[in-house]
């Protein structure tokens, strides 16, 4: 996450460009011949929607004046040490992702799935195998105290699965939740970011926020959550009232950065339409600009894997679903 891509030499780049039509034709043939499709996507996929990539996301004046890079911003310790900076960054990320429309490639992938990988005999066998395996008790069921949604609202996958390191949650606009694996989490899910502890000092009570989470719980942000209020001059987000509306999109002449993205505005009627309803109503924990943990009253944080992050809470349901799916594919390929 955040690594610089390998840049080909000029001769290699010329050869790659020359072979693009042939490579696309070969890829199309492979998809048409496939019984199963695993779609793996990363930052380049999101960039097509106009979102910033890791290399450029923090290229703004306020961060430059503090000599802060993306690698230095994307650590959970800011939530304890400077929550204004933490929520300035993650608040704008949330606003950008909620506001920006997924590119047309999402719809193309959905058409492939519907046409070739949803109703085939292979899809039926895989779906049944996954459903049977998930009926078996597993220690994974005890991994988290709370999940964002119930497994009852998730349809078993067929012969298609999406595996992504992107955290924008855009796949929920077009794909079923049961066929999505987000290996870094997403901005729509939250967890405890540190216990709230009250101690006695010489002047009376003092509130401390510890760095360790109170539980392995994940909850979903409300679908109608008001945007985070962030100063685009300082890139800081004060606690208190949330923003009344998202800022209007502006043209991106060069490269997208945080708070300054390209692409079109997301359609509210399809935004997160396939993300299941929350298991518990946690909307009250988002009343202010800094969300709080519903269990301990401490600070909440996005359930996203950051750098130097030992406290990330992954979705155990999503993780198990993906592993059951890959096991079903291997079983089908070797045992039938």
C-alpha atoms as a PDB file:
ATOM      1  CA  UNK A   1       0.000   0.000   0.000  1.00  0.00           C
ATOM      2  CA  UNK A   2       1.510   3.281  -1.079  1.00  0.00           C
ATOM      3  CA  UNK A   3       4.500   1.742  -2.876  1.00  0.00           C
ATOM      4  CA  UNK A   4       5.768   3.458  -5.988  1.00  0.00           C
ATOM      5  CA  UNK A   5       4.992   1.570  -9.198  1.00  0.00           C
ATOM      6  CA  UNK A   6       7.811   0.133 -11.278  1.00  0.00           C
ATOM      7  CA  UNK A   7       8.399   2.281 -14.335  1.00  0.00           C
ATOM      8  CA  UNK A   8       9.388   0.420 -17.524  1.00  0.00           C
ATOM      9  CA  UNK A   9      12.317   1.551 -19.623  1.00  0.00           C
ATOM     10  CA  UNK A  10      11.437   3.556 -22.723  1.00  0.00           C
ATOM     11  CA  UNK A  11      11.939   0.593 -25.075  1.00  0.00           C
ATOM     12  CA  UNK A  12       9.782  -1.603 -22.851  1.00  0.00           C
ATOM     13  CA  UNK A  13       7.058   1.065 -22.686  1.00  0.00           C
ATOM     14  CA  UNK A  14       7.026   1.410 -26.479  1.00  0.00           C
ATOM     15  CA  UNK A  15       6.691  -2.352 -26.859  1.00  0.00           C
ATOM     16  CA  UNK A  16       3.843  -2.477 -24.336  1.00  0.00           C
ATOM     17  CA  UNK A  17       1.940   0.300 -26.107  1.00  0.00           C
ATOM     18  CA  UNK A  18       2.409  -1.378 -29.470  1.00  0.00           C
ATOM     19  CA  UNK A  19       0.987  -4.640 -28.138  1.00  0.00           C
ATOM     20  CA  UNK A  20      -2.077  -3.166 -26.383  1.00  0.00           C
ATOM     21  CA  UNK A  21      -4.614  -4.281 -29.056  1.00  0.00           C
ATOM     22  CA  UNK A  22      -3.237  -7.816 -29.095  1.00  0.00           C
ATOM     23  CA  UNK A  23      -3.092  -8.007 -25.291  1.00  0.00           C
ATOM     24  CA  UNK A  24      -6.703  -6.803 -25.006  1.00  0.00           C
ATOM     25  CA  UNK A  25      -7.826  -9.383 -27.569  1.00  0.00           C
ATOM     26  CA  UNK A  26      -6.053 -12.166 -25.696  1.00  0.00           C
ATOM     27  CA  UNK A  27      -7.558 -11.030 -22.397  1.00  0.00           C
ATOM     28  CA  UNK A  28     -11.053 -10.961 -23.915  1.00  0.00           C
ATOM     29  CA  UNK A  29     -10.597 -14.505 -25.263  1.00  0.00           C
ATOM     30  CA  UNK A  30      -9.429 -15.704 -21.858  1.00  0.00           C
ATOM     31  CA  UNK A  31     -12.488 -14.212 -20.127  1.00  0.00           C
ATOM     32  CA  UNK A  32     -14.837 -15.736 -22.710  1.00  0.00           C
ATOM     33  CA  UNK A  33     -13.260 -19.163 -22.180  1.00  0.00           C
ATOM     34  CA  UNK A  34     -13.210 -18.942 -18.378  1.00  0.00           C
ATOM     35  CA  UNK A  35     -15.550 -20.778 -16.023  1.00  0.00           C
ATOM     36  CA  UNK A  36     -14.594 -18.553 -13.082  1.00  0.00           C
ATOM     37  CA  UNK A  37     -13.494 -14.904 -12.922  1.00  0.00           C
ATOM     38  CA  UNK A  38     -11.568 -13.362 -10.016  1.00  0.00           C
ATOM     39  CA  UNK A  39     -11.256  -9.607 -10.542  1.00  0.00           C
ATOM     40  CA  UNK A  40      -8.256  -8.093  -8.714  1.00  0.00           C
ATOM     41  CA  UNK A  41      -8.093  -4.277  -8.573  1.00  0.00           C
ATOM     42  CA  UNK A  42      -5.946  -1.606  -6.946  1.00  0.00           C
ATOM     43  CA  UNK A  43      -5.320   2.135  -7.011  1.00  0.00           C
ATOM     44  CA  UNK A  44      -5.237   2.400 -10.812  1.00  0.00           C
ATOM     45  CA  UNK A  45      -8.817   1.156 -10.953  1.00  0.00           C
ATOM     46  CA  UNK A  46     -10.044   3.945  -8.648  1.00  0.00           C
ATOM     47  CA  UNK A  47      -7.978   6.529 -10.506  1.00  0.00           C
ATOM     48  CA  UNK A  48     -10.163   5.997 -13.567  1.00  0.00           C
ATOM     49  CA  UNK A  49     -13.042   7.486 -11.563  1.00  0.00           C
ATOM     50  CA  UNK A  50     -11.041  10.667 -10.995  1.00  0.00           C
ATOM     51  CA  UNK A  51      -9.880   9.795  -7.478  1.00  0.00           C
ATOM     52  CA  UNK A  52      -6.381  10.556  -6.252  1.00  0.00           C
ATOM     53  CA  UNK A  53      -3.758   7.806  -6.129  1.00  0.00           C
ATOM     54  CA  UNK A  54      -1.352   7.314  -3.233  1.00  0.00           C
ATOM     55  CA  UNK A  55       1.455   9.190  -4.956  1.00  0.00           C
ATOM     56  CA  UNK A  56      -0.592  12.388  -5.379  1.00  0.00           C
ATOM     57  CA  UNK A  57      -3.296  12.373  -2.714  1.00  0.00           C
ATOM     58  CA  UNK A  58      -1.307  14.438  -0.182  1.00  0.00           C
ATOM     59  CA  UNK A  59       0.180  16.906  -2.667  1.00  0.00           C
ATOM     60  CA  UNK A  60      -1.516  19.955  -1.166  1.00  0.00           C
ATOM     61  CA  UNK A  61      -0.073  23.141   0.328  1.00  0.00           C
ATOM     62  CA  UNK A  62      -1.065  22.539   3.950  1.00  0.00           C
ATOM     63  CA  UNK A  63       0.699  19.179   4.057  1.00  0.00           C
ATOM     64  CA  UNK A  64       3.733  20.479   2.173  1.00  0.00           C
ATOM     65  CA  UNK A  65       4.168  23.277   4.734  1.00  0.00           C
ATOM     66  CA  UNK A  66       4.381  20.620   7.441  1.00  0.00           C
ATOM     67  CA  UNK A  67       6.545  18.270   5.360  1.00  0.00           C
ATOM     68  CA  UNK A  68       3.870  15.571   5.623  1.00  0.00           C
ATOM     69  CA  UNK A  69       3.706  12.815   3.030  1.00  0.00           C
ATOM     70  CA  UNK A  70       0.911  10.335   2.434  1.00  0.00           C
ATOM     71  CA  UNK A  71       2.975   7.681   4.206  1.00  0.00           C
ATOM     72  CA  UNK A  72       3.273   9.903   7.278  1.00  0.00           C
ATOM     73  CA  UNK A  73      -0.398  10.949   7.258  1.00  0.00           C
ATOM     74  CA  UNK A  74      -1.834   7.476   6.920  1.00  0.00           C
ATOM     75  CA  UNK A  75      -1.042   6.244  10.440  1.00  0.00           C
ATOM     76  CA  UNK A  76      -3.594   5.735  13.240  1.00  0.00           C
ATOM     77  CA  UNK A  77      -1.506   7.530  15.902  1.00  0.00           C
ATOM     78  CA  UNK A  78      -2.736  10.923  14.608  1.00  0.00           C
ATOM     79  CA  UNK A  79      -6.170  10.091  16.052  1.00  0.00           C
ATOM     80  CA  UNK A  80      -4.649  10.238  19.528  1.00  0.00           C
ATOM     81  CA  UNK A  81      -1.984  12.899  18.960  1.00  0.00           C
ATOM     82  CA  UNK A  82      -3.774  15.336  16.629  1.00  0.00           C
ATOM     83  CA  UNK A  83      -7.343  14.290  15.835  1.00  0.00           C
ATOM     84  CA  UNK A  84      -7.919  17.486  13.840  1.00  0.00           C
ATOM     85  CA  UNK A  85      -5.288  16.337  11.345  1.00  0.00           C
ATOM     86  CA  UNK A  86      -6.524  12.739  11.367  1.00  0.00           C
ATOM     87  CA  UNK A  87     -10.116  13.698  10.542  1.00  0.00           C
ATOM     88  CA  UNK A  88      -9.014  16.371   8.103  1.00  0.00           C
ATOM     89  CA  UNK A  89      -7.398  13.645   6.029  1.00  0.00           C
ATOM     90  CA  UNK A  90      -9.892  10.812   6.479  1.00  0.00           C
ATOM     91  CA  UNK A  91     -12.885  13.150   6.490  1.00  0.00           C
ATOM     92  CA  UNK A  92     -11.962  14.512   3.064  1.00  0.00           C
ATOM     93  CA  UNK A  93     -11.252  10.981   1.818  1.00  0.00           C
ATOM     94  CA  UNK A  94     -14.752   9.988   2.900  1.00  0.00           C
ATOM     95  CA  UNK A  95     -16.269  13.058   1.240  1.00  0.00           C
ATOM     96  CA  UNK A  96     -14.361  12.420  -2.002  1.00  0.00           C
ATOM     97  CA  UNK A  97     -15.363   8.764  -2.193  1.00  0.00           C
ATOM     98  CA  UNK A  98     -19.008   9.379  -1.294  1.00  0.00           C
ATOM     99  CA  UNK A  99     -19.278  12.173  -3.871  1.00  0.00           C
ATOM    100  CA  UNK A 100     -17.485  10.653  -6.876  1.00  0.00           C
ATOM    101  CA  UNK A 101     -19.238   8.415  -9.365  1.00  0.00           C
ATOM    102  CA  UNK A 102     -17.623   5.015 -10.088  1.00  0.00           C
ATOM    103  CA  UNK A 103     -16.298   4.881 -13.646  1.00  0.00           C
ATOM    104  CA  UNK A 104     -17.967   2.906 -16.445  1.00  0.00           C
ATOM    105  CA  UNK A 105     -15.665  -0.068 -15.922  1.00  0.00           C
ATOM    106  CA  UNK A 106     -17.720  -1.098 -12.912  1.00  0.00           C
ATOM    107  CA  UNK A 107     -20.793  -1.490 -15.100  1.00  0.00           C
ATOM    108  CA  UNK A 108     -18.813  -3.400 -17.725  1.00  0.00           C
ATOM    109  CA  UNK A 109     -17.615  -5.889 -15.111  1.00  0.00           C
ATOM    110  CA  UNK A 110     -21.186  -6.308 -13.883  1.00  0.00           C
ATOM    111  CA  UNK A 111     -22.297  -7.153 -17.431  1.00  0.00           C
ATOM    112  CA  UNK A 112     -19.568  -9.799 -17.663  1.00  0.00           C
ATOM    113  CA  UNK A 113     -20.643 -11.263 -14.347  1.00  0.00           C
ATOM    114  CA  UNK A 114     -24.329 -11.333 -15.287  1.00  0.00           C
ATOM    115  CA  UNK A 115     -23.726 -12.796 -18.738  1.00  0.00           C
ATOM    116  CA  UNK A 116     -21.116 -15.454 -17.972  1.00  0.00           C
ATOM    117  CA  UNK A 117     -20.550 -16.067 -14.264  1.00  0.00           C
ATOM    118  CA  UNK A 118     -23.887 -15.822 -12.415  1.00  0.00           C
ATOM    119  CA  UNK A 119     -26.213 -18.456 -13.877  1.00  0.00           C
ATOM    120  CA  UNK A 120     -23.869 -21.173 -15.154  1.00  0.00           C
ATOM    121  CA  UNK A 121     -23.663 -24.704 -13.762  1.00  0.00           C
ATOM    122  CA  UNK A 122     -20.263 -23.805 -12.289  1.00  0.00           C
ATOM    123  CA  UNK A 123     -21.760 -20.779 -10.542  1.00  0.00           C
ATOM    124  CA  UNK A 124     -24.517 -22.935  -9.042  1.00  0.00           C
ATOM    125  CA  UNK A 125     -22.041 -25.500  -7.727  1.00  0.00           C
ATOM    126  CA  UNK A 126     -19.770 -22.872  -6.186  1.00  0.00           C
ATOM    127  CA  UNK A 127     -22.692 -21.030  -4.599  1.00  0.00           C
ATOM    128  CA  UNK A 128     -24.054 -24.206  -3.021  1.00  0.00           C
ATOM    129  CA  UNK A 129     -20.608 -25.226  -1.783  1.00  0.00           C
ATOM    130  CA  UNK A 130     -20.019 -21.844  -0.142  1.00  0.00           C
ATOM    131  CA  UNK A 131     -23.479 -21.861   1.458  1.00  0.00           C
ATOM    132  CA  UNK A 132     -22.888 -25.357   2.882  1.00  0.00           C
ATOM    133  CA  UNK A 133     -19.475 -24.454   4.274  1.00  0.00           C
ATOM    134  CA  UNK A 134     -20.808 -21.309   5.924  1.00  0.00           C
ATOM    135  CA  UNK A 135     -23.354 -23.380   7.835  1.00  0.00           C
ATOM    136  CA  UNK A 136     -20.447 -25.070   9.608  1.00  0.00           C
ATOM    137  CA  UNK A 137     -19.369 -23.485  12.880  1.00  0.00           C
ATOM    138  CA  UNK A 138     -15.989 -21.799  12.772  1.00  0.00           C
ATOM    139  CA  UNK A 139     -13.723 -19.942  15.158  1.00  0.00           C
ATOM    140  CA  UNK A 140     -14.015 -17.098  12.638  1.00  0.00           C
ATOM    141  CA  UNK A 141     -17.570 -16.588  13.918  1.00  0.00           C
ATOM    142  CA  UNK A 142     -16.086 -15.506  17.262  1.00  0.00           C
ATOM    143  CA  UNK A 143     -13.419 -13.212  15.818  1.00  0.00           C
ATOM    144  CA  UNK A 144     -15.466  -9.988  16.025  1.00  0.00           C
ATOM    145  CA  UNK A 145     -17.958  -8.949  18.688  1.00  0.00           C
ATOM    146  CA  UNK A 146     -19.982  -6.999  16.134  1.00  0.00           C
ATOM    147  CA  UNK A 147     -20.138  -7.044  12.339  1.00  0.00           C
ATOM    148  CA  UNK A 148     -21.361  -4.218  10.125  1.00  0.00           C
ATOM    149  CA  UNK A 149     -24.236  -6.317   8.801  1.00  0.00           C
ATOM    150  CA  UNK A 150     -25.824  -9.722   9.138  1.00  0.00           C
ATOM    151  CA  UNK A 151     -24.838 -12.626   6.914  1.00  0.00           C
ATOM    152  CA  UNK A 152     -28.568 -13.173   6.368  1.00  0.00           C
ATOM    153  CA  UNK A 153     -28.563 -10.191   3.989  1.00  0.00           C
ATOM    154  CA  UNK A 154     -25.703 -11.514   1.862  1.00  0.00           C
ATOM    155  CA  UNK A 155     -26.227 -13.741  -1.182  1.00  0.00           C
ATOM    156  CA  UNK A 156     -23.630 -16.514  -1.717  1.00  0.00           C
ATOM    157  CA  UNK A 157     -21.300 -15.761  -4.667  1.00  0.00           C
ATOM    158  CA  UNK A 158     -21.314 -17.659  -7.932  1.00  0.00           C
ATOM    159  CA  UNK A 159     -18.396 -18.016 -10.328  1.00  0.00           C
ATOM    160  CA  UNK A 160     -17.307 -14.385  -9.859  1.00  0.00           C
ATOM    161  CA  UNK A 161     -15.502 -12.544  -7.076  1.00  0.00           C
ATOM    162  CA  UNK A 162     -13.979  -9.073  -6.710  1.00  0.00           C
ATOM    163  CA  UNK A 163     -10.783  -8.739  -4.654  1.00  0.00           C
ATOM    164  CA  UNK A 164      -9.658  -5.151  -4.129  1.00  0.00           C
ATOM    165  CA  UNK A 165      -7.204  -3.116  -2.077  1.00  0.00           C
ATOM    166  CA  UNK A 166      -9.244   0.048  -2.712  1.00  0.00           C
ATOM    167  CA  UNK A 167     -11.078   1.560   0.239  1.00  0.00           C
ATOM    168  CA  UNK A 168     -13.669   3.685  -1.598  1.00  0.00           C
ATOM    169  CA  UNK A 169     -16.485   1.067  -1.345  1.00  0.00           C
ATOM    170  CA  UNK A 170     -17.516   1.803  -4.940  1.00  0.00           C
ATOM    171  CA  UNK A 171     -18.081  -1.839  -5.849  1.00  0.00           C
ATOM    172  CA  UNK A 172     -21.242  -1.824  -3.709  1.00  0.00           C
ATOM    173  CA  UNK A 173     -22.898   0.339  -6.359  1.00  0.00           C
ATOM    174  CA  UNK A 174     -22.891  -2.563  -8.840  1.00  0.00           C
ATOM    175  CA  UNK A 175     -21.924  -5.857  -7.151  1.00  0.00           C
ATOM    176  CA  UNK A 176     -23.439  -7.957  -4.384  1.00  0.00           C
ATOM    177  CA  UNK A 177     -21.794  -7.684  -0.974  1.00  0.00           C
ATOM    178  CA  UNK A 178     -21.216 -11.441  -0.937  1.00  0.00           C
ATOM    179  CA  UNK A 179     -18.805 -11.271  -3.865  1.00  0.00           C
ATOM    180  CA  UNK A 180     -16.578  -8.423  -2.611  1.00  0.00           C
ATOM    181  CA  UNK A 181     -13.362  -8.787  -0.611  1.00  0.00           C
ATOM    182  CA  UNK A 182     -11.692  -5.555   0.545  1.00  0.00           C
ATOM    183  CA  UNK A 183      -8.291  -6.532   1.927  1.00  0.00           C
ATOM    184  CA  UNK A 184      -7.715  -3.036   3.405  1.00  0.00           C
ATOM    185  CA  UNK A 185     -11.300  -2.352   4.556  1.00  0.00           C
ATOM    186  CA  UNK A 186     -13.289   0.674   3.367  1.00  0.00           C
ATOM    187  CA  UNK A 187     -14.273   4.201   4.440  1.00  0.00           C
ATOM    188  CA  UNK A 188     -17.887   3.221   5.085  1.00  0.00           C
ATOM    189  CA  UNK A 189     -16.953   0.937   7.999  1.00  0.00           C
ATOM    190  CA  UNK A 190     -15.829   2.113  11.437  1.00  0.00           C
ATOM    191  CA  UNK A 191     -14.223   0.662  14.559  1.00  0.00           C
ATOM    192  CA  UNK A 192     -13.009   1.784  17.962  1.00  0.00           C
ATOM    193  CA  UNK A 193      -9.899   3.940  17.697  1.00  0.00           C
ATOM    194  CA  UNK A 194      -9.039   4.116  21.392  1.00  0.00           C
ATOM    195  CA  UNK A 195     -10.630   3.764  24.794  1.00  0.00           C
ATOM    196  CA  UNK A 196     -11.918   6.797  26.682  1.00  0.00           C
ATOM    197  CA  UNK A 197     -10.468   6.680  30.186  1.00  0.00           C
ATOM    198  CA  UNK A 198     -11.239   9.123  33.008  1.00  0.00           C
ATOM    199  CA  UNK A 199      -8.533   9.505  35.672  1.00  0.00           C
ATOM    200  CA  UNK A 200      -8.118  11.704  38.715  1.00  0.00           C
ATOM    201  CA  UNK A 201      -5.429  14.375  38.694  1.00  0.00           C
ATOM    202  CA  UNK A 202      -4.618  17.312  40.971  1.00  0.00           C
ATOM    203  CA  UNK A 203      -7.147  19.539  39.250  1.00  0.00           C
ATOM    204  CA  UNK A 204      -9.933  16.966  39.199  1.00  0.00           C
ATOM    205  CA  UNK A 205     -11.000  14.628  36.444  1.00  0.00           C
ATOM    206  CA  UNK A 206      -9.023  14.299  33.250  1.00  0.00           C
ATOM    207  CA  UNK A 207     -10.050  12.414  30.140  1.00  0.00           C
ATOM    208  CA  UNK A 208      -7.413  10.362  28.352  1.00  0.00           C
ATOM    209  CA  UNK A 209      -7.752   8.568  25.046  1.00  0.00           C
ATOM    210  CA  UNK A 210      -5.781   5.366  24.911  1.00  0.00           C
ATOM    211  CA  UNK A 211      -4.449   3.980  21.641  1.00  0.00           C
ATOM    212  CA  UNK A 212      -5.861   0.469  22.051  1.00  0.00           C
ATOM    213  CA  UNK A 213      -9.369  -0.366  20.848  1.00  0.00           C
ATOM    214  CA  UNK A 214     -12.004  -1.544  23.311  1.00  0.00           C
ATOM    215  CA  UNK A 215     -13.330  -4.385  21.147  1.00  0.00           C
ATOM    216  CA  UNK A 216     -13.214  -6.098  17.786  1.00  0.00           C
ATOM    217  CA  UNK A 217     -16.376  -4.451  16.471  1.00  0.00           C
ATOM    218  CA  UNK A 218     -17.176  -3.007  13.057  1.00  0.00           C
ATOM    219  CA  UNK A 219     -20.177  -0.843  12.220  1.00  0.00           C
ATOM    220  CA  UNK A 220     -21.448   0.914   9.136  1.00  0.00           C
ATOM    221  CA  UNK A 221     -21.733   4.660   8.615  1.00  0.00           C
ATOM    222  CA  UNK A 222     -25.286   5.859   7.891  1.00  0.00           C
ATOM    223  CA  UNK A 223     -26.162   6.048   4.211  1.00  0.00           C
ATOM    224  CA  UNK A 224     -27.317   9.648   4.725  1.00  0.00           C
ATOM    225  CA  UNK A 225     -24.277  10.709   6.758  1.00  0.00           C
ATOM    226  CA  UNK A 226     -23.569  14.425   6.453  1.00  0.00           C
ATOM    227  CA  UNK A 227     -20.131  15.279   5.031  1.00  0.00           C
ATOM    228  CA  UNK A 228     -17.152  15.955   7.264  1.00  0.00           C
ATOM    229  CA  UNK A 229     -16.430  19.637   7.839  1.00  0.00           C
ATOM    230  CA  UNK A 230     -12.794  20.213   6.869  1.00  0.00           C
ATOM    231  CA  UNK A 231     -10.855  23.423   6.229  1.00  0.00           C
ATOM    232  CA  UNK A 232      -9.233  23.087   2.824  1.00  0.00           C
ATOM    233  CA  UNK A 233      -6.689  25.755   3.824  1.00  0.00           C
ATOM    234  CA  UNK A 234      -5.364  23.999   6.921  1.00  0.00           C
ATOM    235  CA  UNK A 235      -6.633  20.484   6.087  1.00  0.00           C
ATOM    236  CA  UNK A 236      -7.868  20.259   9.678  1.00  0.00           C
ATOM    237  CA  UNK A 237     -11.270  19.121  10.933  1.00  0.00           C
ATOM    238  CA  UNK A 238     -12.445  20.516  14.253  1.00  0.00           C
ATOM    239  CA  UNK A 239     -14.849  18.576  16.432  1.00  0.00           C
ATOM    240  CA  UNK A 240     -18.408  19.838  16.410  1.00  0.00           C
ATOM    241  CA  UNK A 241     -20.954  20.383  13.656  1.00  0.00           C
ATOM    242  CA  UNK A 242     -20.640  18.421  10.429  1.00  0.00           C
ATOM    243  CA  UNK A 243     -20.841  20.104   7.011  1.00  0.00           C
ATOM    244  CA  UNK A 244     -24.284  20.841   5.595  1.00  0.00           C
ATOM    245  CA  UNK A 245     -23.356  19.708   2.076  1.00  0.00           C
ATOM    246  CA  UNK A 246     -20.478  18.549  -0.077  1.00  0.00           C
ATOM    247  CA  UNK A 247     -18.397  21.143  -1.868  1.00  0.00           C
ATOM    248  CA  UNK A 248     -19.060  21.426  -5.583  1.00  0.00           C
ATOM    249  CA  UNK A 249     -16.728  19.431  -7.799  1.00  0.00           C
ATOM    250  CA  UNK A 250     -14.080  21.439  -9.604  1.00  0.00           C
ATOM    251  CA  UNK A 251     -12.122  20.714 -12.759  1.00  0.00           C
ATOM    252  CA  UNK A 252      -8.841  18.865 -12.224  1.00  0.00           C
ATOM    253  CA  UNK A 253      -6.282  20.185 -14.707  1.00  0.00           C
ATOM    254  CA  UNK A 254      -3.366  18.039 -13.578  1.00  0.00           C
ATOM    255  CA  UNK A 255      -3.513  15.290 -10.958  1.00  0.00           C
ATOM    256  CA  UNK A 256      -6.280  14.641  -8.458  1.00  0.00           C
ATOM    257  CA  UNK A 257      -5.486  15.289  -4.791  1.00  0.00           C
ATOM    258  CA  UNK A 258      -7.434  14.945  -1.594  1.00  0.00           C
ATOM    259  CA  UNK A 259     -10.438  17.279  -1.701  1.00  0.00           C
ATOM    260  CA  UNK A 260      -9.857  17.990  -5.389  1.00  0.00           C
ATOM    261  CA  UNK A 261     -10.962  15.066  -7.521  1.00  0.00           C
ATOM    262  CA  UNK A 262     -12.050  14.581 -11.104  1.00  0.00           C
ATOM    263  CA  UNK A 263     -14.893  12.460 -12.401  1.00  0.00           C
ATOM    264  CA  UNK A 264     -18.636  12.945 -12.201  1.00  0.00           C
ATOM    265  CA  UNK A 265     -20.930  13.268  -9.199  1.00  0.00           C
ATOM    266  CA  UNK A 266     -22.208   9.980  -7.806  1.00  0.00           C
ATOM    267  CA  UNK A 267     -25.830   9.016  -8.415  1.00  0.00           C
ATOM    268  CA  UNK A 268     -27.626   8.930  -5.023  1.00  0.00           C
ATOM    269  CA  UNK A 269     -30.093   6.318  -6.279  1.00  0.00           C
ATOM    270  CA  UNK A 270     -27.332   3.727  -6.799  1.00  0.00           C
ATOM    271  CA  UNK A 271     -24.803   4.780  -4.141  1.00  0.00           C
ATOM    272  CA  UNK A 272     -24.025   1.724  -1.975  1.00  0.00           C
ATOM    273  CA  UNK A 273     -27.250   0.112  -3.159  1.00  0.00           C
ATOM    274  CA  UNK A 274     -25.857  -3.393  -2.604  1.00  0.00           C
ATOM    275  CA  UNK A 275     -24.315  -2.727   0.815  1.00  0.00           C
ATOM    276  CA  UNK A 276     -26.569  -4.549   3.327  1.00  0.00           C
ATOM    277  CA  UNK A 277     -28.407  -2.582   6.014  1.00  0.00           C
ATOM    278  CA  UNK A 278     -26.478  -2.118   9.274  1.00  0.00           C
ATOM    279  CA  UNK A 279     -26.753  -4.831  11.890  1.00  0.00           C
ATOM    280  CA  UNK A 280     -27.199  -2.128  14.541  1.00  0.00           C
ATOM    281  CA  UNK A 281     -28.194   1.509  14.238  1.00  0.00           C
ATOM    282  CA  UNK A 282     -25.053   3.472  15.121  1.00  0.00           C
ATOM    283  CA  UNK A 283     -26.122   6.773  13.552  1.00  0.00           C
ATOM    284  CA  UNK A 284     -25.924   8.656  16.870  1.00  0.00           C
ATOM    285  CA  UNK A 285     -22.198   8.012  17.035  1.00  0.00           C
ATOM    286  CA  UNK A 286     -21.790  10.202  13.931  1.00  0.00           C
ATOM    287  CA  UNK A 287     -23.646  13.255  15.254  1.00  0.00           C
ATOM    288  CA  UNK A 288     -20.406  15.265  15.491  1.00  0.00           C
ATOM    289  CA  UNK A 289     -17.464  15.738  13.173  1.00  0.00           C
ATOM    290  CA  UNK A 290     -15.408  13.212  15.154  1.00  0.00           C
ATOM    291  CA  UNK A 291     -17.308   9.905  15.370  1.00  0.00           C
ATOM    292  CA  UNK A 292     -17.278   8.033  18.674  1.00  0.00           C
ATOM    293  CA  UNK A 293     -17.254   4.373  19.614  1.00  0.00           C
ATOM    294  CA  UNK A 294     -20.726   3.145  20.670  1.00  0.00           C
ATOM    295  CA  UNK A 295     -19.211   0.746  23.221  1.00  0.00           C
ATOM    296  CA  UNK A 296     -16.708   2.817  25.208  1.00  0.00           C
ATOM    297  CA  UNK A 297     -17.413   6.399  24.102  1.00  0.00           C
ATOM    298  CA  UNK A 298     -13.855   6.765  22.845  1.00  0.00           C
ATOM    299  CA  UNK A 299     -12.818   7.949  19.432  1.00  0.00           C
ATOM    300  CA  UNK A 300     -13.881   5.918  16.429  1.00  0.00           C
ATOM    301  CA  UNK A 301     -11.864   5.570  13.228  1.00  0.00           C
ATOM    302  CA  UNK A 302     -12.356   4.152   9.745  1.00  0.00           C
ATOM    303  CA  UNK A 303     -11.920   0.366   9.706  1.00  0.00           C
ATOM    304  CA  UNK A 304      -9.089   0.704   7.194  1.00  0.00           C
ATOM    305  CA  UNK A 305      -5.647  -0.880   7.341  1.00  0.00           C
ATOM    306  CA  UNK A 306      -3.181   1.990   7.738  1.00  0.00           C
ATOM    307  CA  UNK A 307       0.588   2.060   8.118  1.00  0.00           C
ATOM    308  CA  UNK A 308       1.954   1.123  11.568  1.00  0.00           C
ATOM    309  CA  UNK A 309      -1.495  -0.247  12.332  1.00  0.00           C
ATOM    310  CA  UNK A 310      -1.806  -3.057  14.864  1.00  0.00           C
ATOM    311  CA  UNK A 311      -5.432  -2.359  15.736  1.00  0.00           C
ATOM    312  CA  UNK A 312      -7.256  -2.664  12.411  1.00  0.00           C
ATOM    313  CA  UNK A 313     -10.454  -4.714  12.633  1.00  0.00           C
ATOM    314  CA  UNK A 314     -11.124  -6.623   9.444  1.00  0.00           C
ATOM    315  CA  UNK A 315     -14.581  -7.922   8.566  1.00  0.00           C
ATOM    316  CA  UNK A 316     -14.455 -11.556   9.660  1.00  0.00           C
ATOM    317  CA  UNK A 317     -17.578 -12.329   7.625  1.00  0.00           C
ATOM    318  CA  UNK A 318     -16.095 -10.908   4.440  1.00  0.00           C
ATOM    319  CA  UNK A 319     -12.746 -12.606   4.995  1.00  0.00           C
ATOM    320  CA  UNK A 320     -14.338 -16.003   5.608  1.00  0.00           C
ATOM    321  CA  UNK A 321     -16.650 -15.634   2.603  1.00  0.00           C
ATOM    322  CA  UNK A 322     -13.691 -15.047   0.280  1.00  0.00           C
ATOM    323  CA  UNK A 323     -11.718 -17.973   1.678  1.00  0.00           C
ATOM    324  CA  UNK A 324     -14.749 -20.266   1.392  1.00  0.00           C
ATOM    325  CA  UNK A 325     -15.156 -19.149  -2.216  1.00  0.00           C
ATOM    326  CA  UNK A 326     -11.525 -19.825  -3.150  1.00  0.00           C
ATOM    327  CA  UNK A 327     -11.748 -23.220  -1.424  1.00  0.00           C
ATOM    328  CA  UNK A 328     -14.887 -24.037  -3.438  1.00  0.00           C
ATOM    329  CA  UNK A 329     -13.131 -23.093  -6.684  1.00  0.00           C
ATOM    330  CA  UNK A 330     -10.136 -25.299  -5.822  1.00  0.00           C
ATOM    331  CA  UNK A 331     -12.453 -28.159  -4.859  1.00  0.00           C
ATOM    332  CA  UNK A 332     -14.323 -27.831  -8.130  1.00  0.00           C
ATOM    333  CA  UNK A 333     -11.089 -27.782 -10.133  1.00  0.00           C
ATOM    334  CA  UNK A 334      -9.463 -30.768  -8.430  1.00  0.00           C
ATOM    335  CA  UNK A 335     -12.199 -33.016  -7.073  1.00  0.00           C
ATOM    336  CA  UNK A 336     -14.863 -33.065  -9.788  1.00  0.00           C
END
